[in-house]
């Protein structure tokens, strides 16, 4: 239940007010893309396309490693959270393909 008074929209249930620009900004979402330009979503399975050394560890994530059930980062669209070999890692989407 909303109404407009010219410059603002008002919700009659929660008394929230917003502008048309706020509505446009909320509908524009940032797409997370892999190295090939495919859009990534939460829960997708991805493959690592390059050997990656893990900072602060002697672990190396080998090319071709599958990561199942990724999580998108809410802070940075260029990073995704994956679990590989029992460790949670943040990987850049430039090194992943769907």
PDB file of N, CA and C in Angstrom:
ATOM      1  N   UNK A   1       0.835  -1.163   0.000  1.00  0.00           N
ATOM      2  CA  UNK A   1       0.000   0.000   0.000  1.00  0.00           C
ATOM      3  C   UNK A   1       0.892   1.242   0.000  1.00  0.00           C
ATOM      4  N   UNK A   2       1.077   1.814  -1.146  1.00  0.00           N
ATOM      5  CA  UNK A   2       1.903   3.014  -1.255  1.00  0.00           C
ATOM      6  C   UNK A   2       1.123   4.106  -1.972  1.00  0.00           C
ATOM      7  N   UNK A   3       1.557   5.321  -1.739  1.00  0.00           N
ATOM      8  CA  UNK A   3       1.010   6.442  -2.476  1.00  0.00           C
ATOM      9  C   UNK A   3       2.116   7.461  -2.711  1.00  0.00           C
ATOM     10  N   UNK A   4       1.905   8.321  -3.674  1.00  0.00           N
ATOM     11  CA  UNK A   4       2.885   9.329  -4.044  1.00  0.00           C
ATOM     12  C   UNK A   4       2.309  10.712  -3.774  1.00  0.00           C
ATOM     13  N   UNK A   5       3.175  11.596  -3.248  1.00  0.00           N
ATOM     14  CA  UNK A   5       2.723  12.974  -3.031  1.00  0.00           C
ATOM     15  C   UNK A   5       3.489  13.937  -3.939  1.00  0.00           C
ATOM     16  N   UNK A   6       3.956  13.444  -5.055  1.00  0.00           N
ATOM     17  CA  UNK A   6       4.666  14.294  -6.007  1.00  0.00           C
ATOM     18  C   UNK A   6       6.143  13.957  -6.067  1.00  0.00           C
ATOM     19  N   UNK A   7       6.872  14.181  -4.981  1.00  0.00           N
ATOM     20  CA  UNK A   7       8.315  13.933  -5.005  1.00  0.00           C
ATOM     21  C   UNK A   7       8.711  12.712  -4.185  1.00  0.00           C
ATOM     22  N   UNK A   8       7.837  12.216  -3.331  1.00  0.00           N
ATOM     23  CA  UNK A   8       8.155  11.070  -2.474  1.00  0.00           C
ATOM     24  C   UNK A   8       7.071  10.010  -2.579  1.00  0.00           C
ATOM     25  N   UNK A   9       7.470   8.760  -2.360  1.00  0.00           N
ATOM     26  CA  UNK A   9       6.525   7.659  -2.200  1.00  0.00           C
ATOM     27  C   UNK A   9       6.423   7.360  -0.715  1.00  0.00           C
ATOM     28  N   UNK A  10       5.226   6.986  -0.245  1.00  0.00           N
ATOM     29  CA  UNK A  10       4.993   6.704   1.167  1.00  0.00           C
ATOM     30  C   UNK A  10       4.336   5.341   1.301  1.00  0.00           C
ATOM     31  N   UNK A  11       4.783   4.576   2.296  1.00  0.00           N
ATOM     32  CA  UNK A  11       4.149   3.302   2.635  1.00  0.00           C
ATOM     33  C   UNK A  11       3.195   3.549   3.799  1.00  0.00           C
ATOM     34  N   UNK A  12       1.936   3.146   3.630  1.00  0.00           N
ATOM     35  CA  UNK A  12       0.938   3.390   4.672  1.00  0.00           C
ATOM     36  C   UNK A  12       1.038   2.392   5.822  1.00  0.00           C
ATOM     37  N   UNK A  13       1.750   1.285   5.616  1.00  0.00           N
ATOM     38  CA  UNK A  13       1.871   0.278   6.670  1.00  0.00           C
ATOM     39  C   UNK A  13       3.051   0.547   7.597  1.00  0.00           C
ATOM     40  N   UNK A  14       4.222   0.905   7.019  1.00  0.00           N
ATOM     41  CA  UNK A  14       5.420   1.096   7.858  1.00  0.00           C
ATOM     42  C   UNK A  14       5.889   2.552   7.895  1.00  0.00           C
ATOM     43  N   UNK A  15       5.216   3.435   7.171  1.00  0.00           N
ATOM     44  CA  UNK A  15       5.519   4.866   7.135  1.00  0.00           C
ATOM     45  C   UNK A  15       6.904   5.181   6.555  1.00  0.00           C
ATOM     46  N   UNK A  16       7.425   4.263   5.720  1.00  0.00           N
ATOM     47  CA  UNK A  16       8.712   4.494   5.052  1.00  0.00           C
ATOM     48  C   UNK A  16       8.493   5.442   3.874  1.00  0.00           C
ATOM     49  N   UNK A  17       9.486   6.325   3.633  1.00  0.00           N
ATOM     50  CA  UNK A  17       9.423   7.266   2.511  1.00  0.00           C
ATOM     51  C   UNK A  17      10.646   7.061   1.628  1.00  0.00           C
ATOM     52  N   UNK A  18      10.477   7.172   0.296  1.00  0.00           N
ATOM     53  CA  UNK A  18      11.594   7.048  -0.623  1.00  0.00           C
ATOM     54  C   UNK A  18      11.307   7.825  -1.894  1.00  0.00           C
ATOM     55  N   UNK A  19      12.381   8.088  -2.652  1.00  0.00           N
ATOM     56  CA  UNK A  19      12.281   8.846  -3.897  1.00  0.00           C
ATOM     57  C   UNK A  19      12.313   7.882  -5.077  1.00  0.00           C
ATOM     58  N   UNK A  20      11.929   8.335  -6.269  1.00  0.00           N
ATOM     59  CA  UNK A  20      12.032   7.481  -7.458  1.00  0.00           C
ATOM     60  C   UNK A  20      13.481   7.062  -7.744  1.00  0.00           C
ATOM     61  N   UNK A  21      14.454   7.928  -7.409  1.00  0.00           N
ATOM     62  CA  UNK A  21      15.860   7.589  -7.620  1.00  0.00           C
ATOM     63  C   UNK A  21      16.280   6.428  -6.725  1.00  0.00           C
ATOM     64  N   UNK A  22      15.739   6.369  -5.497  1.00  0.00           N
ATOM     65  CA  UNK A  22      16.028   5.259  -4.592  1.00  0.00           C
ATOM     66  C   UNK A  22      15.522   3.940  -5.166  1.00  0.00           C
ATOM     67  N   UNK A  23      14.369   3.978  -5.820  1.00  0.00           N
ATOM     68  CA  UNK A  23      13.807   2.769  -6.419  1.00  0.00           C
ATOM     69  C   UNK A  23      14.686   2.282  -7.562  1.00  0.00           C
ATOM     70  N   UNK A  24      15.191   3.206  -8.391  1.00  0.00           N
ATOM     71  CA  UNK A  24      16.050   2.829  -9.508  1.00  0.00           C
ATOM     72  C   UNK A  24      17.363   2.257  -9.014  1.00  0.00           C
ATOM     73  N   UNK A  25      17.932   2.847  -7.973  1.00  0.00           N
ATOM     74  CA  UNK A  25      19.200   2.360  -7.432  1.00  0.00           C
ATOM     75  C   UNK A  25      19.042   0.971  -6.830  1.00  0.00           C
ATOM     76  N   UNK A  26      17.899   0.684  -6.240  1.00  0.00           N
ATOM     77  CA  UNK A  26      17.671  -0.624  -5.631  1.00  0.00           C
ATOM     78  C   UNK A  26      17.506  -1.719  -6.679  1.00  0.00           C
ATOM     79  N   UNK A  27      16.971  -1.382  -7.849  1.00  0.00           N
ATOM     80  CA  UNK A  27      16.762  -2.389  -8.883  1.00  0.00           C
ATOM     81  C   UNK A  27      18.023  -2.666  -9.675  1.00  0.00           C
ATOM     82  N   UNK A  28      18.989  -1.743  -9.664  1.00  0.00           N
ATOM     83  CA  UNK A  28      20.242  -1.966 -10.366  1.00  0.00           C
ATOM     84  C   UNK A  28      21.167  -2.783  -9.478  1.00  0.00           C
ATOM     85  N   UNK A  29      21.357  -4.047  -9.838  1.00  0.00           N
ATOM     86  CA  UNK A  29      22.239  -4.891  -9.045  1.00  0.00           C
ATOM     87  C   UNK A  29      23.524  -5.152  -9.829  1.00  0.00           C
ATOM     88  N   UNK A  30      24.590  -5.349  -9.108  1.00  0.00           N
ATOM     89  CA  UNK A  30      25.881  -5.606  -9.721  1.00  0.00           C
ATOM     90  C   UNK A  30      25.954  -7.079 -10.082  1.00  0.00           C
ATOM     91  N   UNK A  31      26.294  -7.366 -11.325  1.00  0.00           N
ATOM     92  CA  UNK A  31      26.429  -8.744 -11.768  1.00  0.00           C
ATOM     93  C   UNK A  31      27.838  -9.229 -11.464  1.00  0.00           C
ATOM     94  N   UNK A  32      27.926 -10.458 -10.997  1.00  0.00           N
ATOM     95  CA  UNK A  32      29.217 -11.091 -10.735  1.00  0.00           C
ATOM     96  C   UNK A  32      29.508 -11.999 -11.918  1.00  0.00           C
ATOM     97  N   UNK A  33      30.623 -11.742 -12.614  1.00  0.00           N
ATOM     98  CA  UNK A  33      30.961 -12.472 -13.828  1.00  0.00           C
ATOM     99  C   UNK A  33      32.222 -13.286 -13.640  1.00  0.00           C
ATOM    100  N   UNK A  34      32.270 -14.478 -14.273  1.00  0.00           N
ATOM    101  CA  UNK A  34      33.485 -15.282 -14.235  1.00  0.00           C
ATOM    102  C   UNK A  34      34.439 -14.818 -15.334  1.00  0.00           C
ATOM    103  N   UNK A  35      35.522 -15.559 -15.551  1.00  0.00           N
ATOM    104  CA  UNK A  35      36.534 -15.142 -16.526  1.00  0.00           C
ATOM    105  C   UNK A  35      36.013 -15.160 -17.956  1.00  0.00           C
ATOM    106  N   UNK A  36      34.966 -15.932 -18.235  1.00  0.00           N
ATOM    107  CA  UNK A  36      34.396 -16.007 -19.575  1.00  0.00           C
ATOM    108  C   UNK A  36      33.208 -15.076 -19.782  1.00  0.00           C
ATOM    109  N   UNK A  37      32.831 -14.340 -18.752  1.00  0.00           N
ATOM    110  CA  UNK A  37      31.710 -13.417 -18.866  1.00  0.00           C
ATOM    111  C   UNK A  37      30.372 -14.012 -18.485  1.00  0.00           C
ATOM    112  N   UNK A  38      30.361 -15.239 -17.958  1.00  0.00           N
ATOM    113  CA  UNK A  38      29.109 -15.852 -17.497  1.00  0.00           C
ATOM    114  C   UNK A  38      28.769 -15.310 -16.116  1.00  0.00           C
ATOM    115  N   UNK A  39      27.478 -15.091 -15.879  1.00  0.00           N
ATOM    116  CA  UNK A  39      27.049 -14.571 -14.584  1.00  0.00           C
ATOM    117  C   UNK A  39      27.064 -15.673 -13.539  1.00  0.00           C
ATOM    118  N   UNK A  40      27.602 -15.358 -12.362  1.00  0.00           N
ATOM    119  CA  UNK A  40      27.672 -16.309 -11.254  1.00  0.00           C
ATOM    120  C   UNK A  40      26.582 -16.005 -10.238  1.00  0.00           C
ATOM    121  N   UNK A  41      26.047 -17.069  -9.621  1.00  0.00           N
ATOM    122  CA  UNK A  41      25.027 -16.957  -8.593  1.00  0.00           C
ATOM    123  C   UNK A  41      25.452 -17.779  -7.387  1.00  0.00           C
ATOM    124  N   UNK A  42      24.847 -17.507  -6.222  1.00  0.00           N
ATOM    125  CA  UNK A  42      25.106 -18.318  -5.035  1.00  0.00           C
ATOM    126  C   UNK A  42      24.779 -19.773  -5.335  1.00  0.00           C
ATOM    127  N   UNK A  43      25.678 -20.685  -4.905  1.00  0.00           N
ATOM    128  CA  UNK A  43      25.446 -22.106  -5.084  1.00  0.00           C
ATOM    129  C   UNK A  43      25.974 -22.689  -6.372  1.00  0.00           C
ATOM    130  N   UNK A  44      26.517 -21.870  -7.266  1.00  0.00           N
ATOM    131  CA  UNK A  44      27.080 -22.375  -8.519  1.00  0.00           C
ATOM    132  C   UNK A  44      28.336 -23.195  -8.252  1.00  0.00           C
ATOM    133  N   UNK A  45      28.677 -24.056  -9.208  1.00  0.00           N
ATOM    134  CA  UNK A  45      29.928 -24.794  -9.188  1.00  0.00           C
ATOM    135  C   UNK A  45      30.874 -24.138 -10.183  1.00  0.00           C
ATOM    136  N   UNK A  46      32.131 -23.940  -9.768  1.00  0.00           N
ATOM    137  CA  UNK A  46      33.113 -23.288 -10.616  1.00  0.00           C
ATOM    138  C   UNK A  46      34.394 -24.116 -10.667  1.00  0.00           C
ATOM    139  N   UNK A  47      35.224 -23.840 -11.668  1.00  0.00           N
ATOM    140  CA  UNK A  47      36.508 -24.497 -11.838  1.00  0.00           C
ATOM    141  C   UNK A  47      37.596 -23.442 -11.854  1.00  0.00           C
ATOM    142  N   UNK A  48      38.706 -23.719 -11.184  1.00  0.00           N
ATOM    143  CA  UNK A  48      39.850 -22.806 -11.153  1.00  0.00           C
ATOM    144  C   UNK A  48      40.609 -22.963 -12.466  1.00  0.00           C
ATOM    145  N   UNK A  49      40.982 -21.851 -13.126  1.00  0.00           N
ATOM    146  CA  UNK A  49      41.624 -21.921 -14.435  1.00  0.00           C
ATOM    147  C   UNK A  49      43.128 -21.680 -14.388  1.00  0.00           C
ATOM    148  N   UNK A  50      43.688 -21.464 -13.187  1.00  0.00           N
ATOM    149  CA  UNK A  50      45.110 -21.167 -13.059  1.00  0.00           C
ATOM    150  C   UNK A  50      45.583 -21.648 -11.687  1.00  0.00           C
ATOM    151  N   UNK A  51      46.824 -22.151 -11.589  1.00  0.00           N
ATOM    152  CA  UNK A  51      47.378 -22.511 -10.290  1.00  0.00           C
ATOM    153  C   UNK A  51      47.476 -21.264  -9.425  1.00  0.00           C
ATOM    154  N   UNK A  52      46.931 -21.347  -8.211  1.00  0.00           N
ATOM    155  CA  UNK A  52      46.900 -20.196  -7.315  1.00  0.00           C
ATOM    156  C   UNK A  52      47.586 -20.546  -6.003  1.00  0.00           C
ATOM    157  N   UNK A  53      48.562 -19.756  -5.601  1.00  0.00           N
ATOM    158  CA  UNK A  53      49.199 -19.927  -4.302  1.00  0.00           C
ATOM    159  C   UNK A  53      48.375 -19.188  -3.266  1.00  0.00           C
ATOM    160  N   UNK A  54      48.154 -19.833  -2.127  1.00  0.00           N
ATOM    161  CA  UNK A  54      47.355 -19.246  -1.059  1.00  0.00           C
ATOM    162  C   UNK A  54      48.286 -18.470  -0.144  1.00  0.00           C
ATOM    163  N   UNK A  55      48.008 -17.183   0.047  1.00  0.00           N
ATOM    164  CA  UNK A  55      48.845 -16.348   0.902  1.00  0.00           C
ATOM    165  C   UNK A  55      48.813 -16.851   2.337  1.00  0.00           C
ATOM    166  N   UNK A  56      49.995 -16.882   2.970  1.00  0.00           N
ATOM    167  CA  UNK A  56      50.088 -17.298   4.364  1.00  0.00           C
ATOM    168  C   UNK A  56      50.029 -18.793   4.557  1.00  0.00           C
ATOM    169  N   UNK A  57      50.154 -19.546   3.474  1.00  0.00           N
ATOM    170  CA  UNK A  57      50.082 -20.995   3.552  1.00  0.00           C
ATOM    171  C   UNK A  57      50.960 -21.594   2.463  1.00  0.00           C
ATOM    172  N   UNK A  58      51.292 -22.852   2.614  1.00  0.00           N
ATOM    173  CA  UNK A  58      52.058 -23.534   1.573  1.00  0.00           C
ATOM    174  C   UNK A  58      51.127 -24.209   0.567  1.00  0.00           C
ATOM    175  N   UNK A  59      49.835 -24.034   0.756  1.00  0.00           N
ATOM    176  CA  UNK A  59      48.827 -24.652  -0.107  1.00  0.00           C
ATOM    177  C   UNK A  59      48.800 -23.997  -1.477  1.00  0.00           C
ATOM    178  N   UNK A  60      48.640 -24.828  -2.517  1.00  0.00           N
ATOM    179  CA  UNK A  60      48.471 -24.351  -3.886  1.00  0.00           C
ATOM    180  C   UNK A  60      47.174 -24.944  -4.421  1.00  0.00           C
ATOM    181  N   UNK A  61      46.296 -24.094  -4.907  1.00  0.00           N
ATOM    182  CA  UNK A  61      45.058 -24.551  -5.541  1.00  0.00           C
ATOM    183  C   UNK A  61      45.389 -24.795  -6.997  1.00  0.00           C
ATOM    184  N   UNK A  62      45.342 -26.056  -7.408  1.00  0.00           N
ATOM    185  CA  UNK A  62      45.743 -26.451  -8.758  1.00  0.00           C
ATOM    186  C   UNK A  62      44.680 -26.106  -9.792  1.00  0.00           C
ATOM    187  N   UNK A  63      45.153 -25.893 -11.000  1.00  0.00           N
ATOM    188  CA  UNK A  63      44.265 -25.635 -12.129  1.00  0.00           C
ATOM    189  C   UNK A  63      43.349 -26.840 -12.320  1.00  0.00           C
ATOM    190  N   UNK A  64      42.059 -26.592 -12.541  1.00  0.00           N
ATOM    191  CA  UNK A  64      41.096 -27.669 -12.737  1.00  0.00           C
ATOM    192  C   UNK A  64      40.374 -28.083 -11.473  1.00  0.00           C
ATOM    193  N   UNK A  65      40.735 -27.492 -10.328  1.00  0.00           N
ATOM    194  CA  UNK A  65      40.060 -27.816  -9.071  1.00  0.00           C
ATOM    195  C   UNK A  65      38.630 -27.301  -9.113  1.00  0.00           C
ATOM    196  N   UNK A  66      37.685 -28.181  -8.725  1.00  0.00           N
ATOM    197  CA  UNK A  66      36.274 -27.795  -8.704  1.00  0.00           C
ATOM    198  C   UNK A  66      35.898 -27.270  -7.332  1.00  0.00           C
ATOM    199  N   UNK A  67      35.163 -26.194  -7.294  1.00  0.00           N
ATOM    200  CA  UNK A  67      34.601 -25.652  -6.056  1.00  0.00           C
ATOM    201  C   UNK A  67      33.089 -25.678  -6.211  1.00  0.00           C
ATOM    202  N   UNK A  68      32.429 -26.351  -5.305  1.00  0.00           N
ATOM    203  CA  UNK A  68      30.976 -26.505  -5.390  1.00  0.00           C
ATOM    204  C   UNK A  68      30.290 -25.597  -4.377  1.00  0.00           C
ATOM    205  N   UNK A  69      29.181 -25.036  -4.788  1.00  0.00           N
ATOM    206  CA  UNK A  69      28.362 -24.228  -3.874  1.00  0.00           C
ATOM    207  C   UNK A  69      29.038 -22.952  -3.414  1.00  0.00           C
ATOM    208  N   UNK A  70      29.414 -22.105  -4.365  1.00  0.00           N
ATOM    209  CA  UNK A  70      30.097 -20.859  -4.011  1.00  0.00           C
ATOM    210  C   UNK A  70      29.135 -19.897  -3.336  1.00  0.00           C
ATOM    211  N   UNK A  71      29.703 -18.916  -2.646  1.00  0.00           N
ATOM    212  CA  UNK A  71      28.924 -17.816  -2.071  1.00  0.00           C
ATOM    213  C   UNK A  71      29.474 -16.513  -2.619  1.00  0.00           C
ATOM    214  N   UNK A  72      28.583 -15.645  -3.030  1.00  0.00           N
ATOM    215  CA  UNK A  72      29.003 -14.345  -3.534  1.00  0.00           C
ATOM    216  C   UNK A  72      29.296 -13.421  -2.364  1.00  0.00           C
ATOM    217  N   UNK A  73      30.318 -12.601  -2.517  1.00  0.00           N
ATOM    218  CA  UNK A  73      30.683 -11.638  -1.481  1.00  0.00           C
ATOM    219  C   UNK A  73      29.782 -10.425  -1.606  1.00  0.00           C
ATOM    220  N   UNK A  74      29.229  -9.981  -0.491  1.00  0.00           N
ATOM    221  CA  UNK A  74      28.353  -8.815  -0.532  1.00  0.00           C
ATOM    222  C   UNK A  74      29.151  -7.514  -0.617  1.00  0.00           C
ATOM    223  N   UNK A  75      30.430  -7.555  -0.223  1.00  0.00           N
ATOM    224  CA  UNK A  75      31.251  -6.356  -0.228  1.00  0.00           C
ATOM    225  C   UNK A  75      31.885  -6.080  -1.586  1.00  0.00           C
ATOM    226  N   UNK A  76      32.386  -7.123  -2.246  1.00  0.00           N
ATOM    227  CA  UNK A  76      33.155  -6.941  -3.470  1.00  0.00           C
ATOM    228  C   UNK A  76      32.681  -7.936  -4.520  1.00  0.00           C
ATOM    229  N   UNK A  77      32.166  -7.466  -5.665  1.00  0.00           N
ATOM    230  CA  UNK A  77      31.672  -8.398  -6.681  1.00  0.00           C
ATOM    231  C   UNK A  77      32.777  -9.143  -7.422  1.00  0.00           C
ATOM    232  N   UNK A  78      34.040  -8.838  -7.170  1.00  0.00           N
ATOM    233  CA  UNK A  78      35.130  -9.547  -7.845  1.00  0.00           C
ATOM    234  C   UNK A  78      35.649 -10.716  -7.031  1.00  0.00           C
ATOM    235  N   UNK A  79      35.086 -10.979  -5.847  1.00  0.00           N
ATOM    236  CA  UNK A  79      35.515 -12.076  -5.000  1.00  0.00           C
ATOM    237  C   UNK A  79      34.334 -12.996  -4.683  1.00  0.00           C
ATOM    238  N   UNK A  80      34.611 -14.309  -4.617  1.00  0.00           N
ATOM    239  CA  UNK A  80      33.615 -15.280  -4.191  1.00  0.00           C
ATOM    240  C   UNK A  80      34.224 -16.144  -3.098  1.00  0.00           C
ATOM    241  N   UNK A  81      33.375 -16.656  -2.233  1.00  0.00           N
ATOM    242  CA  UNK A  81      33.819 -17.519  -1.147  1.00  0.00           C
ATOM    243  C   UNK A  81      33.628 -18.968  -1.572  1.00  0.00           C
ATOM    244  N   UNK A  82      34.691 -19.779  -1.455  1.00  0.00           N
ATOM    245  CA  UNK A  82      34.634 -21.187  -1.828  1.00  0.00           C
ATOM    246  C   UNK A  82      35.229 -22.029  -0.706  1.00  0.00           C
ATOM    247  N   UNK A  83      34.898 -23.321  -0.714  1.00  0.00           N
ATOM    248  CA  UNK A  83      35.532 -24.269   0.207  1.00  0.00           C
ATOM    249  C   UNK A  83      36.303 -25.268  -0.636  1.00  0.00           C
ATOM    250  N   UNK A  84      37.626 -25.308  -0.411  1.00  0.00           N
ATOM    251  CA  UNK A  84      38.501 -26.232  -1.119  1.00  0.00           C
ATOM    252  C   UNK A  84      39.363 -26.931  -0.082  1.00  0.00           C
ATOM    253  N   UNK A  85      39.357 -28.263  -0.120  1.00  0.00           N
ATOM    254  CA  UNK A  85      40.143 -29.086   0.799  1.00  0.00           C
ATOM    255  C   UNK A  85      39.877 -28.720   2.258  1.00  0.00           C
ATOM    256  N   UNK A  86      38.631 -28.453   2.594  1.00  0.00           N
ATOM    257  CA  UNK A  86      38.249 -28.159   3.967  1.00  0.00           C
ATOM    258  C   UNK A  86      38.549 -26.756   4.436  1.00  0.00           C
ATOM    259  N   UNK A  87      39.077 -25.913   3.565  1.00  0.00           N
ATOM    260  CA  UNK A  87      39.382 -24.530   3.939  1.00  0.00           C
ATOM    261  C   UNK A  87      38.475 -23.580   3.173  1.00  0.00           C
ATOM    262  N   UNK A  88      38.069 -22.525   3.847  1.00  0.00           N
ATOM    263  CA  UNK A  88      37.277 -21.481   3.205  1.00  0.00           C
ATOM    264  C   UNK A  88      38.223 -20.435   2.650  1.00  0.00           C
ATOM    265  N   UNK A  89      38.093 -20.161   1.358  1.00  0.00           N
ATOM    266  CA  UNK A  89      38.968 -19.205   0.669  1.00  0.00           C
ATOM    267  C   UNK A  89      38.120 -18.189  -0.079  1.00  0.00           C
ATOM    268  N   UNK A  90      38.672 -17.009  -0.269  1.00  0.00           N
ATOM    269  CA  UNK A  90      38.078 -16.015  -1.152  1.00  0.00           C
ATOM    270  C   UNK A  90      38.929 -15.967  -2.408  1.00  0.00           C
ATOM    271  N   UNK A  91      38.314 -16.241  -3.554  1.00  0.00           N
ATOM    272  CA  UNK A  91      39.020 -16.235  -4.825  1.00  0.00           C
ATOM    273  C   UNK A  91      38.468 -15.148  -5.733  1.00  0.00           C
ATOM    274  N   UNK A  92      39.347 -14.601  -6.550  1.00  0.00           N
ATOM    275  CA  UNK A  92      38.904 -13.607  -7.514  1.00  0.00           C
ATOM    276  C   UNK A  92      38.198 -14.306  -8.670  1.00  0.00           C
ATOM    277  N   UNK A  93      37.160 -13.676  -9.160  1.00  0.00           N
ATOM    278  CA  UNK A  93      36.376 -14.269 -10.237  1.00  0.00           C
ATOM    279  C   UNK A  93      37.156 -14.335 -11.553  1.00  0.00           C
ATOM    280  N   UNK A  94      38.265 -13.589 -11.668  1.00  0.00           N
ATOM    281  CA  UNK A  94      39.091 -13.627 -12.871  1.00  0.00           C
ATOM    282  C   UNK A  94      39.727 -14.994 -13.074  1.00  0.00           C
ATOM    283  N   UNK A  95      39.848 -15.790 -12.019  1.00  0.00           N
ATOM    284  CA  UNK A  95      40.513 -17.082 -12.081  1.00  0.00           C
ATOM    285  C   UNK A  95      39.540 -18.246 -12.017  1.00  0.00           C
ATOM    286  N   UNK A  96      38.253 -17.981 -12.260  1.00  0.00           N
ATOM    287  CA  UNK A  96      37.221 -19.006 -12.179  1.00  0.00           C
ATOM    288  C   UNK A  96      36.424 -19.071 -13.475  1.00  0.00           C
ATOM    289  N   UNK A  97      35.925 -20.270 -13.778  1.00  0.00           N
ATOM    290  CA  UNK A  97      34.962 -20.395 -14.882  1.00  0.00           C
ATOM    291  C   UNK A  97      33.828 -21.287 -14.431  1.00  0.00           C
ATOM    292  N   UNK A  98      32.658 -21.028 -14.950  1.00  0.00           N
ATOM    293  CA  UNK A  98      31.444 -21.751 -14.563  1.00  0.00           C
ATOM    294  C   UNK A  98      31.436 -23.126 -15.204  1.00  0.00           C
TER     295      UNK A  98
END
